Protein backbone atom coordinates (compact mmCIF):
# COMPACT_ATOMS: atom_id res chain seq x y z
CA UNK A 1 -17.06 -7.97 -23.65
CA UNK A 2 -18.91 -8.17 -20.34
CA UNK A 3 -16.47 -10.75 -18.98
CA UNK A 4 -13.48 -8.60 -19.96
CA UNK A 5 -14.76 -5.78 -17.79
CA UNK A 6 -15.77 -8.15 -15.01
CA UNK A 7 -12.37 -9.80 -14.57
CA UNK A 8 -10.09 -6.80 -15.17
CA UNK A 9 -8.15 -5.59 -12.20
CA UNK A 10 -9.99 -2.55 -10.89
CA UNK A 11 -7.18 -1.07 -8.80
CA UNK A 12 -4.67 0.80 -10.91
CA UNK A 13 -1.80 2.18 -8.89
CA UNK A 14 -2.10 6.00 -8.71
CA UNK A 15 0.68 7.80 -10.59
CA UNK A 16 1.11 10.50 -7.95
CA UNK A 17 1.67 7.96 -5.16
CA UNK A 18 4.90 8.57 -3.26
CA UNK A 19 5.54 4.86 -2.66
CA UNK A 20 5.29 2.16 -5.30
CA UNK A 21 4.28 -1.47 -5.08
CA UNK A 22 7.14 -3.51 -3.71
CA UNK A 23 8.59 -0.87 -1.39
CA UNK A 24 9.41 -1.84 2.18
CA UNK A 25 8.39 1.05 4.40
CA UNK A 26 8.69 2.02 8.05
CA UNK A 27 5.65 3.19 10.01
CA UNK A 28 4.48 3.48 13.61
CA UNK A 29 1.86 1.03 14.81
CA UNK A 30 0.74 0.85 18.45
CA UNK A 31 3.71 2.95 19.52
CA UNK A 32 6.33 0.73 17.91
CA UNK A 33 8.36 1.12 14.75
CA UNK A 34 7.28 -1.54 12.24
CA UNK A 35 8.00 -2.29 8.64
CA UNK A 36 5.85 -3.70 5.89
CA UNK A 37 5.42 -4.15 2.18
CA UNK A 38 3.32 -1.80 0.04
CA UNK A 39 0.63 -4.00 -1.46
CA UNK A 40 -1.94 -1.60 -2.97
CA UNK A 41 -2.65 2.11 -3.18
CA UNK A 42 -5.90 3.97 -3.67
CA UNK A 43 -6.82 7.57 -4.37
CA UNK A 44 -9.99 8.88 -2.76
CA UNK A 45 -12.28 11.61 -4.06
CA UNK A 46 -10.32 14.38 -2.30
CA UNK A 47 -7.06 13.22 -3.94
CA UNK A 48 -5.51 11.70 -0.81
CA UNK A 49 -3.49 8.53 -1.26
CA UNK A 50 -4.09 5.57 1.08
CA UNK A 51 -2.13 2.34 1.12
CA UNK A 52 -2.66 -1.28 2.00
CA UNK A 53 0.43 -2.57 3.79
CA UNK A 54 1.32 -6.24 4.16
CA UNK A 55 3.07 -7.21 7.39
CA UNK A 56 4.44 -10.60 8.34
CA UNK A 57 6.02 -13.25 6.19
CA UNK A 58 4.77 -16.79 6.32
CA UNK A 59 1.36 -15.84 7.69
CA UNK A 60 0.83 -12.28 6.43
CA UNK A 61 -1.68 -9.73 7.60
CA UNK A 62 -2.91 -6.62 5.81
CA UNK A 63 -3.27 -3.13 7.25
CA UNK A 64 -5.81 -1.11 5.29
CA UNK A 65 -6.22 2.64 4.74
CA UNK A 66 -2.84 3.93 5.88
CA UNK A 67 -2.40 7.55 4.88
CA UNK A 68 0.73 8.68 3.11
CA UNK A 69 1.58 11.03 5.99
CA UNK A 70 1.63 8.14 8.50
CA UNK A 71 4.39 6.27 6.65
CA UNK A 72 7.86 7.34 7.75
CA UNK A 73 9.86 6.31 4.71
CA UNK A 74 11.32 3.58 2.57
CA UNK A 75 13.40 0.96 4.30
CA UNK A 76 14.63 -0.95 1.25
CA UNK A 77 13.34 -1.87 -2.19
CA UNK A 78 12.77 -5.49 -3.03
CA UNK A 79 11.71 -6.61 -6.49
């Protein structure tokens, strides 16, 4: 029973999140319009949703703690 709790995925995608896993989104980073892939979402104690966004393809990078207000919208959906 201990190992079941230890190896379970701790991040469950919040139901009230505007964007879902697998959405390509547009956002502004360093003054430029960029796009990325929604990788994870978290809900903090105040109820705000923050996202982890994956950018790049062959050698990806992750951008952590992007607020829902900072994301401009969905570019396309890819599943």
